[in-house]
């Protein structure tokens, strides 16, 4: 073999050995990554709904075995959330309900709407608040004369809604409850604080209350405020009630 070839082969061997050493060094740097902080803890499942605890190993490369699994869950009187002894799940709540601190499902306060109003025997209609607007509310009519709205509402398990709600100028709410009646031809609106009402005395028909801030017809200057606990002779109150 020629001298030049021997030199080339020697150089090749040197490069090969150096490459192998570098590759070995690179592989030696590929150490396992840490998965947890040594000594830290986390919950773990013991099976059967029980919750235990496991500790991160000193190397930080793995979690230890699940321990404290001998705890007996106590879900007595609870239907949801964790039990107070072991943290085991006692159950879940239906959609729309939340689990409270006592471990029972709480539906919260249902929305007061047309459906609930109707189930309570009421009529869902505009509130006609003084000044305009106000959305809708649940209307009831007294079954007899001279009964205040506080009494009318309590008879349905509700309370009289505060504020200056009113019938409209066509007396449509009164006529809903008393369809054979008619809007009064005089003093409609009127200045009594129990209006809107059906005036049965003398067959005067439906009237609504003089709205605050107005002076319509025979209304007193500035109108009249509604009063839940007011009642009068020969008058059937029409009331707005709420939970």
C-alpha atoms as a PDB file:
ATOM      1  CA  UNK A   1       0.000   0.000   0.000  1.00  0.00           C
ATOM      2  CA  UNK A   2       1.200   3.437  -0.840  1.00  0.00           C
ATOM      3  CA  UNK A   3       2.234   5.861   1.864  1.00  0.00           C
ATOM      4  CA  UNK A   4      -0.420   8.459   0.899  1.00  0.00           C
ATOM      5  CA  UNK A   5      -3.202   5.903   1.286  1.00  0.00           C
ATOM      6  CA  UNK A   6      -2.016   4.898   4.756  1.00  0.00           C
ATOM      7  CA  UNK A   7      -2.107   8.518   5.787  1.00  0.00           C
ATOM      8  CA  UNK A   8      -5.690   8.901   4.575  1.00  0.00           C
ATOM      9  CA  UNK A   9      -6.819   5.762   6.387  1.00  0.00           C
ATOM     10  CA  UNK A  10      -5.260   6.996   9.631  1.00  0.00           C
ATOM     11  CA  UNK A  11      -6.991  10.340   9.366  1.00  0.00           C
ATOM     12  CA  UNK A  12     -10.295   8.579   8.669  1.00  0.00           C
ATOM     13  CA  UNK A  13      -9.951   6.433  11.792  1.00  0.00           C
ATOM     14  CA  UNK A  14      -9.198   9.454  13.934  1.00  0.00           C
ATOM     15  CA  UNK A  15     -12.313  11.251  12.661  1.00  0.00           C
ATOM     16  CA  UNK A  16     -14.438   8.153  13.171  1.00  0.00           C
ATOM     17  CA  UNK A  17     -13.347   7.737  16.793  1.00  0.00           C
ATOM     18  CA  UNK A  18     -13.892  11.458  17.507  1.00  0.00           C
ATOM     19  CA  UNK A  19     -17.374  11.300  16.027  1.00  0.00           C
ATOM     20  CA  UNK A  20     -18.275   8.293  18.158  1.00  0.00           C
ATOM     21  CA  UNK A  21     -17.061  10.060  21.299  1.00  0.00           C
ATOM     22  CA  UNK A  22     -19.139  13.141  20.529  1.00  0.00           C
ATOM     23  CA  UNK A  23     -22.219  11.013  19.898  1.00  0.00           C
ATOM     24  CA  UNK A  24     -21.701   9.197  23.197  1.00  0.00           C
ATOM     25  CA  UNK A  25     -21.320  12.498  25.054  1.00  0.00           C
ATOM     26  CA  UNK A  26     -24.509  13.824  23.473  1.00  0.00           C
ATOM     27  CA  UNK A  27     -26.466  10.740  24.496  1.00  0.00           C
ATOM     28  CA  UNK A  28     -25.150  11.063  28.017  1.00  0.00           C
ATOM     29  CA  UNK A  29     -26.751  14.534  28.293  1.00  0.00           C
ATOM     30  CA  UNK A  30     -30.245  13.188  27.449  1.00  0.00           C
ATOM     31  CA  UNK A  31     -31.387  12.732  31.058  1.00  0.00           C
ATOM     32  CA  UNK A  32     -35.026  12.030  32.077  1.00  0.00           C
ATOM     33  CA  UNK A  33     -37.057  15.200  32.654  1.00  0.00           C
ATOM     34  CA  UNK A  34     -38.501  16.062  36.061  1.00  0.00           C
ATOM     35  CA  UNK A  35     -42.270  15.514  36.404  1.00  0.00           C
ATOM     36  CA  UNK A  36     -42.824  16.901  39.895  1.00  0.00           C
ATOM     37  CA  UNK A  37     -41.164  18.798  42.723  1.00  0.00           C
ATOM     38  CA  UNK A  38     -39.554  16.394  45.220  1.00  0.00           C
ATOM     39  CA  UNK A  39     -41.706  16.092  48.342  1.00  0.00           C
ATOM     40  CA  UNK A  40     -44.803  17.718  46.801  1.00  0.00           C
ATOM     41  CA  UNK A  41     -48.141  15.933  47.076  1.00  0.00           C
ATOM     42  CA  UNK A  42     -51.246  15.471  44.965  1.00  0.00           C
ATOM     43  CA  UNK A  43     -54.586  13.676  45.222  1.00  0.00           C
ATOM     44  CA  UNK A  44     -54.897  10.267  43.640  1.00  0.00           C
ATOM     45  CA  UNK A  45     -57.676   7.747  43.120  1.00  0.00           C
ATOM     46  CA  UNK A  46     -57.835   4.731  45.390  1.00  0.00           C
ATOM     47  CA  UNK A  47     -60.752   3.228  43.484  1.00  0.00           C
ATOM     48  CA  UNK A  48     -64.338   2.985  44.662  1.00  0.00           C
ATOM     49  CA  UNK A  49     -64.624   6.747  44.738  1.00  0.00           C
ATOM     50  CA  UNK A  50     -62.002   7.099  47.469  1.00  0.00           C
ATOM     51  CA  UNK A  51     -59.279   9.741  47.283  1.00  0.00           C
ATOM     52  CA  UNK A  52     -55.717   9.180  48.550  1.00  0.00           C
ATOM     53  CA  UNK A  53     -52.466  11.091  48.374  1.00  0.00           C
ATOM     54  CA  UNK A  54     -49.148  10.457  46.631  1.00  0.00           C
ATOM     55  CA  UNK A  55     -45.753  12.083  47.213  1.00  0.00           C
ATOM     56  CA  UNK A  56     -43.256  13.076  44.561  1.00  0.00           C
ATOM     57  CA  UNK A  57     -40.097  10.972  44.793  1.00  0.00           C
ATOM     58  CA  UNK A  58     -36.797  12.574  45.825  1.00  0.00           C
ATOM     59  CA  UNK A  59     -35.545  12.511  42.219  1.00  0.00           C
ATOM     60  CA  UNK A  60     -38.597  14.374  40.974  1.00  0.00           C
ATOM     61  CA  UNK A  61     -38.878  11.828  38.165  1.00  0.00           C
ATOM     62  CA  UNK A  62     -42.045  10.087  39.332  1.00  0.00           C
ATOM     63  CA  UNK A  63     -44.926  10.123  41.800  1.00  0.00           C
ATOM     64  CA  UNK A  64     -44.988   7.606  44.593  1.00  0.00           C
ATOM     65  CA  UNK A  65     -47.740   5.082  45.219  1.00  0.00           C
ATOM     66  CA  UNK A  66     -51.241   6.184  46.227  1.00  0.00           C
ATOM     67  CA  UNK A  67     -51.447   6.092  50.034  1.00  0.00           C
ATOM     68  CA  UNK A  68     -54.021   6.771  52.780  1.00  0.00           C
ATOM     69  CA  UNK A  69     -56.551   4.654  50.915  1.00  0.00           C
ATOM     70  CA  UNK A  70     -57.956   3.109  54.079  1.00  0.00           C
ATOM     71  CA  UNK A  71     -60.266   6.129  54.626  1.00  0.00           C
ATOM     72  CA  UNK A  72     -64.009   5.291  54.629  1.00  0.00           C
ATOM     73  CA  UNK A  73     -66.144   7.875  52.779  1.00  0.00           C
ATOM     74  CA  UNK A  74     -69.104   9.335  54.689  1.00  0.00           C
ATOM     75  CA  UNK A  75     -71.859  10.601  52.365  1.00  0.00           C
ATOM     76  CA  UNK A  76     -74.660  10.447  54.935  1.00  0.00           C
ATOM     77  CA  UNK A  77     -77.078  13.320  54.273  1.00  0.00           C
ATOM     78  CA  UNK A  78     -75.123  14.451  51.210  1.00  0.00           C
ATOM     79  CA  UNK A  79     -76.152  14.097  47.583  1.00  0.00           C
ATOM     80  CA  UNK A  80     -73.312  15.879  45.839  1.00  0.00           C
ATOM     81  CA  UNK A  81     -69.740  17.111  46.184  1.00  0.00           C
ATOM     82  CA  UNK A  82     -66.929  15.541  48.243  1.00  0.00           C
ATOM     83  CA  UNK A  83     -67.527  13.807  51.532  1.00  0.00           C
ATOM     84  CA  UNK A  84     -65.905  15.531  54.541  1.00  0.00           C
ATOM     85  CA  UNK A  85     -63.853  12.481  55.579  1.00  0.00           C
ATOM     86  CA  UNK A  86     -62.009  11.346  52.474  1.00  0.00           C
ATOM     87  CA  UNK A  87     -62.939  13.758  49.705  1.00  0.00           C
ATOM     88  CA  UNK A  88     -64.767  11.018  47.797  1.00  0.00           C
ATOM     89  CA  UNK A  89     -67.451  12.245  45.412  1.00  0.00           C
ATOM     90  CA  UNK A  90     -70.950  11.760  46.878  1.00  0.00           C
ATOM     91  CA  UNK A  91     -72.782  12.546  43.643  1.00  0.00           C
ATOM     92  CA  UNK A  92     -73.475  15.255  41.087  1.00  0.00           C
ATOM     93  CA  UNK A  93     -76.362  17.699  40.626  1.00  0.00           C
ATOM     94  CA  UNK A  94     -78.760  17.936  37.671  1.00  0.00           C
ATOM     95  CA  UNK A  95     -78.095  20.541  35.009  1.00  0.00           C
ATOM     96  CA  UNK A  96     -78.991  24.011  36.282  1.00  0.00           C
ATOM     97  CA  UNK A  97     -78.432  23.179  39.959  1.00  0.00           C
ATOM     98  CA  UNK A  98     -75.320  23.742  42.069  1.00  0.00           C
ATOM     99  CA  UNK A  99     -73.883  21.817  44.996  1.00  0.00           C
ATOM    100  CA  UNK A 100     -73.852  23.902  48.168  1.00  0.00           C
ATOM    101  CA  UNK A 101     -71.584  23.605  51.206  1.00  0.00           C
ATOM    102  CA  UNK A 102     -74.018  21.194  52.875  1.00  0.00           C
ATOM    103  CA  UNK A 103     -73.691  18.719  50.027  1.00  0.00           C
ATOM    104  CA  UNK A 104     -77.205  19.208  48.656  1.00  0.00           C
ATOM    105  CA  UNK A 105     -78.252  20.346  45.188  1.00  0.00           C
ATOM    106  CA  UNK A 106     -79.583  23.893  45.120  1.00  0.00           C
ATOM    107  CA  UNK A 107     -81.849  24.927  42.215  1.00  0.00           C
ATOM    108  CA  UNK A 108     -81.414  28.594  43.134  1.00  0.00           C
ATOM    109  CA  UNK A 109     -84.216  31.098  42.736  1.00  0.00           C
ATOM    110  CA  UNK A 110     -86.353  30.315  39.669  1.00  0.00           C
ATOM    111  CA  UNK A 111     -87.021  33.202  37.325  1.00  0.00           C
ATOM    112  CA  UNK A 112     -90.354  34.925  37.945  1.00  0.00           C
ATOM    113  CA  UNK A 113     -91.904  34.811  34.503  1.00  0.00           C
ATOM    114  CA  UNK A 114     -95.152  34.222  32.617  1.00  0.00           C
ATOM    115  CA  UNK A 115     -95.006  30.458  33.213  1.00  0.00           C
ATOM    116  CA  UNK A 116     -94.637  30.718  36.994  1.00  0.00           C
ATOM    117  CA  UNK A 117     -97.196  33.534  37.097  1.00  0.00           C
ATOM    118  CA  UNK A 118     -99.735  31.390  35.253  1.00  0.00           C
ATOM    119  CA  UNK A 119     -99.086  28.398  37.527  1.00  0.00           C
ATOM    120  CA  UNK A 120     -99.836  30.713  40.473  1.00  0.00           C
ATOM    121  CA  UNK A 121    -103.154  31.729  38.925  1.00  0.00           C
ATOM    122  CA  UNK A 122    -102.046  35.152  37.711  1.00  0.00           C
ATOM    123  CA  UNK A 123    -102.144  37.071  34.435  1.00  0.00           C
ATOM    124  CA  UNK A 124     -98.792  38.162  32.941  1.00  0.00           C
ATOM    125  CA  UNK A 125     -99.140  41.656  31.459  1.00  0.00           C
ATOM    126  CA  UNK A 126     -97.469  45.058  31.202  1.00  0.00           C
ATOM    127  CA  UNK A 127     -96.794  46.936  34.443  1.00  0.00           C
ATOM    128  CA  UNK A 128     -97.435  50.342  32.837  1.00  0.00           C
ATOM    129  CA  UNK A 129     -95.228  52.073  35.388  1.00  0.00           C
ATOM    130  CA  UNK A 130     -95.652  55.797  35.831  1.00  0.00           C
ATOM    131  CA  UNK A 131     -93.282  57.478  33.423  1.00  0.00           C
ATOM    132  CA  UNK A 132     -93.515  54.567  30.974  1.00  0.00           C
ATOM    133  CA  UNK A 133     -92.028  51.113  30.558  1.00  0.00           C
ATOM    134  CA  UNK A 134     -91.293  48.756  33.410  1.00  0.00           C
ATOM    135  CA  UNK A 135     -91.671  45.423  31.651  1.00  0.00           C
ATOM    136  CA  UNK A 136     -94.323  42.938  32.715  1.00  0.00           C
ATOM    137  CA  UNK A 137     -95.666  41.563  35.968  1.00  0.00           C
ATOM    138  CA  UNK A 138     -98.126  39.083  37.410  1.00  0.00           C
ATOM    139  CA  UNK A 139    -101.612  40.530  37.892  1.00  0.00           C
ATOM    140  CA  UNK A 140    -104.373  39.252  40.161  1.00  0.00           C
ATOM    141  CA  UNK A 141    -107.863  40.506  40.890  1.00  0.00           C
ATOM    142  CA  UNK A 142    -109.452  40.446  44.336  1.00  0.00           C
ATOM    143  CA  UNK A 143    -112.403  38.081  44.616  1.00  0.00           C
ATOM    144  CA  UNK A 144    -114.458  40.604  46.583  1.00  0.00           C
ATOM    145  CA  UNK A 145    -114.641  44.344  47.227  1.00  0.00           C
ATOM    146  CA  UNK A 146    -112.676  46.207  49.877  1.00  0.00           C
ATOM    147  CA  UNK A 147    -109.611  43.915  49.922  1.00  0.00           C
ATOM    148  CA  UNK A 148    -106.105  45.436  49.888  1.00  0.00           C
ATOM    149  CA  UNK A 149    -103.467  44.116  47.485  1.00  0.00           C
ATOM    150  CA  UNK A 150    -101.319  42.965  50.403  1.00  0.00           C
ATOM    151  CA  UNK A 151    -104.124  40.543  51.268  1.00  0.00           C
ATOM    152  CA  UNK A 152    -104.815  39.578  47.656  1.00  0.00           C
ATOM    153  CA  UNK A 153    -101.173  38.652  47.060  1.00  0.00           C
ATOM    154  CA  UNK A 154    -100.647  36.848  50.359  1.00  0.00           C
ATOM    155  CA  UNK A 155    -103.588  34.644  49.450  1.00  0.00           C
ATOM    156  CA  UNK A 156    -101.465  33.326  46.572  1.00  0.00           C
ATOM    157  CA  UNK A 157     -98.315  32.941  48.650  1.00  0.00           C
ATOM    158  CA  UNK A 158     -96.893  36.149  47.174  1.00  0.00           C
ATOM    159  CA  UNK A 159     -96.386  39.782  48.146  1.00  0.00           C
ATOM    160  CA  UNK A 160     -97.632  42.991  46.622  1.00  0.00           C
ATOM    161  CA  UNK A 161     -95.079  44.493  44.257  1.00  0.00           C
ATOM    162  CA  UNK A 162     -93.991  47.940  45.388  1.00  0.00           C
ATOM    163  CA  UNK A 163     -93.988  50.783  42.917  1.00  0.00           C
ATOM    164  CA  UNK A 164     -96.467  52.652  40.780  1.00  0.00           C
ATOM    165  CA  UNK A 165     -97.800  50.003  38.411  1.00  0.00           C
ATOM    166  CA  UNK A 166    -101.065  50.766  36.665  1.00  0.00           C
ATOM    167  CA  UNK A 167    -103.629  49.620  34.120  1.00  0.00           C
ATOM    168  CA  UNK A 168    -103.415  51.238  30.696  1.00  0.00           C
ATOM    169  CA  UNK A 169    -105.743  53.962  29.476  1.00  0.00           C
ATOM    170  CA  UNK A 170    -108.006  51.394  27.771  1.00  0.00           C
ATOM    171  CA  UNK A 171    -108.383  49.417  31.019  1.00  0.00           C
ATOM    172  CA  UNK A 172    -107.276  46.228  29.234  1.00  0.00           C
ATOM    173  CA  UNK A 173    -106.056  44.490  32.422  1.00  0.00           C
ATOM    174  CA  UNK A 174    -109.273  45.193  34.305  1.00  0.00           C
ATOM    175  CA  UNK A 175    -111.274  43.960  31.306  1.00  0.00           C
ATOM    176  CA  UNK A 176    -109.201  40.761  31.223  1.00  0.00           C
ATOM    177  CA  UNK A 177    -110.463  39.884  34.707  1.00  0.00           C
ATOM    178  CA  UNK A 178    -113.946  41.340  34.214  1.00  0.00           C
ATOM    179  CA  UNK A 179    -114.714  40.872  30.511  1.00  0.00           C
ATOM    180  CA  UNK A 180    -118.385  41.765  30.898  1.00  0.00           C
ATOM    181  CA  UNK A 181    -117.506  45.132  32.409  1.00  0.00           C
ATOM    182  CA  UNK A 182    -116.493  48.326  30.566  1.00  0.00           C
ATOM    183  CA  UNK A 183    -114.218  51.347  31.005  1.00  0.00           C
ATOM    184  CA  UNK A 184    -115.805  53.938  33.271  1.00  0.00           C
ATOM    185  CA  UNK A 185    -117.068  56.938  31.368  1.00  0.00           C
ATOM    186  CA  UNK A 186    -116.235  59.452  34.135  1.00  0.00           C
ATOM    187  CA  UNK A 187    -113.297  59.903  36.502  1.00  0.00           C
ATOM    188  CA  UNK A 188    -111.196  57.507  34.462  1.00  0.00           C
ATOM    189  CA  UNK A 189    -108.410  57.853  35.493  1.00  0.00           C
ATOM    190  CA  UNK A 190    -109.087  58.689  39.125  1.00  0.00           C
ATOM    191  CA  UNK A 191    -106.973  59.888  42.032  1.00  0.00           C
ATOM    192  CA  UNK A 192    -107.471  57.088  44.578  1.00  0.00           C
ATOM    193  CA  UNK A 193    -104.338  55.115  45.600  1.00  0.00           C
ATOM    194  CA  UNK A 194    -106.088  51.735  45.267  1.00  0.00           C
ATOM    195  CA  UNK A 195    -106.658  52.110  41.515  1.00  0.00           C
ATOM    196  CA  UNK A 196    -106.652  50.384  39.110  1.00  0.00           C
ATOM    197  CA  UNK A 197    -109.946  48.885  40.275  1.00  0.00           C
ATOM    198  CA  UNK A 198    -113.309  47.705  39.168  1.00  0.00           C
ATOM    199  CA  UNK A 199    -115.866  50.045  40.719  1.00  0.00           C
ATOM    200  CA  UNK A 200    -118.870  47.868  41.357  1.00  0.00           C
ATOM    201  CA  UNK A 201    -120.886  50.461  43.238  1.00  0.00           C
ATOM    202  CA  UNK A 202    -123.322  52.056  40.855  1.00  0.00           C
ATOM    203  CA  UNK A 203    -121.958  50.046  37.912  1.00  0.00           C
ATOM    204  CA  UNK A 204    -119.216  52.543  37.167  1.00  0.00           C
ATOM    205  CA  UNK A 205    -116.849  50.001  35.509  1.00  0.00           C
ATOM    206  CA  UNK A 206    -113.060  49.871  35.257  1.00  0.00           C
ATOM    207  CA  UNK A 207    -110.824  52.800  36.123  1.00  0.00           C
ATOM    208  CA  UNK A 208    -107.065  53.281  36.206  1.00  0.00           C
ATOM    209  CA  UNK A 209    -104.986  55.424  38.534  1.00  0.00           C
ATOM    210  CA  UNK A 210    -103.885  59.000  37.811  1.00  0.00           C
ATOM    211  CA  UNK A 211    -100.181  58.514  36.929  1.00  0.00           C
ATOM    212  CA  UNK A 212     -97.636  60.458  38.931  1.00  0.00           C
ATOM    213  CA  UNK A 213     -96.313  63.524  37.184  1.00  0.00           C
ATOM    214  CA  UNK A 214     -99.488  64.116  35.180  1.00  0.00           C
ATOM    215  CA  UNK A 215    -102.694  66.092  35.499  1.00  0.00           C
ATOM    216  CA  UNK A 216    -105.249  64.262  33.365  1.00  0.00           C
ATOM    217  CA  UNK A 217    -108.934  65.181  33.515  1.00  0.00           C
ATOM    218  CA  UNK A 218    -110.065  65.348  37.144  1.00  0.00           C
ATOM    219  CA  UNK A 219    -106.740  63.987  38.497  1.00  0.00           C
ATOM    220  CA  UNK A 220    -105.090  65.884  41.328  1.00  0.00           C
ATOM    221  CA  UNK A 221    -102.065  67.918  40.328  1.00  0.00           C
ATOM    222  CA  UNK A 222     -99.067  65.617  40.021  1.00  0.00           C
ATOM    223  CA  UNK A 223    -101.096  62.383  40.055  1.00  0.00           C
ATOM    224  CA  UNK A 224    -101.440  59.755  42.783  1.00  0.00           C
ATOM    225  CA  UNK A 225     -99.080  57.069  44.072  1.00  0.00           C
ATOM    226  CA  UNK A 226    -100.209  53.426  44.309  1.00  0.00           C
ATOM    227  CA  UNK A 227    -100.567  51.940  47.818  1.00  0.00           C
ATOM    228  CA  UNK A 228    -100.528  48.153  48.306  1.00  0.00           C
ATOM    229  CA  UNK A 229    -102.392  48.224  51.622  1.00  0.00           C
ATOM    230  CA  UNK A 230    -105.194  50.599  50.577  1.00  0.00           C
ATOM    231  CA  UNK A 231    -108.794  49.486  49.978  1.00  0.00           C
ATOM    232  CA  UNK A 232    -112.075  51.375  49.500  1.00  0.00           C
ATOM    233  CA  UNK A 233    -115.827  50.876  49.527  1.00  0.00           C
ATOM    234  CA  UNK A 234    -117.460  49.230  46.553  1.00  0.00           C
ATOM    235  CA  UNK A 235    -114.119  48.709  44.755  1.00  0.00           C
ATOM    236  CA  UNK A 236    -112.415  45.501  43.599  1.00  0.00           C
ATOM    237  CA  UNK A 237    -108.656  45.910  43.465  1.00  0.00           C
ATOM    238  CA  UNK A 238    -106.436  44.677  40.660  1.00  0.00           C
ATOM    239  CA  UNK A 239    -102.927  43.952  41.948  1.00  0.00           C
ATOM    240  CA  UNK A 240     -99.401  43.085  40.885  1.00  0.00           C
ATOM    241  CA  UNK A 241     -97.839  40.313  43.011  1.00  0.00           C
ATOM    242  CA  UNK A 242     -94.403  38.706  43.116  1.00  0.00           C
ATOM    243  CA  UNK A 243     -92.445  36.164  45.199  1.00  0.00           C
END
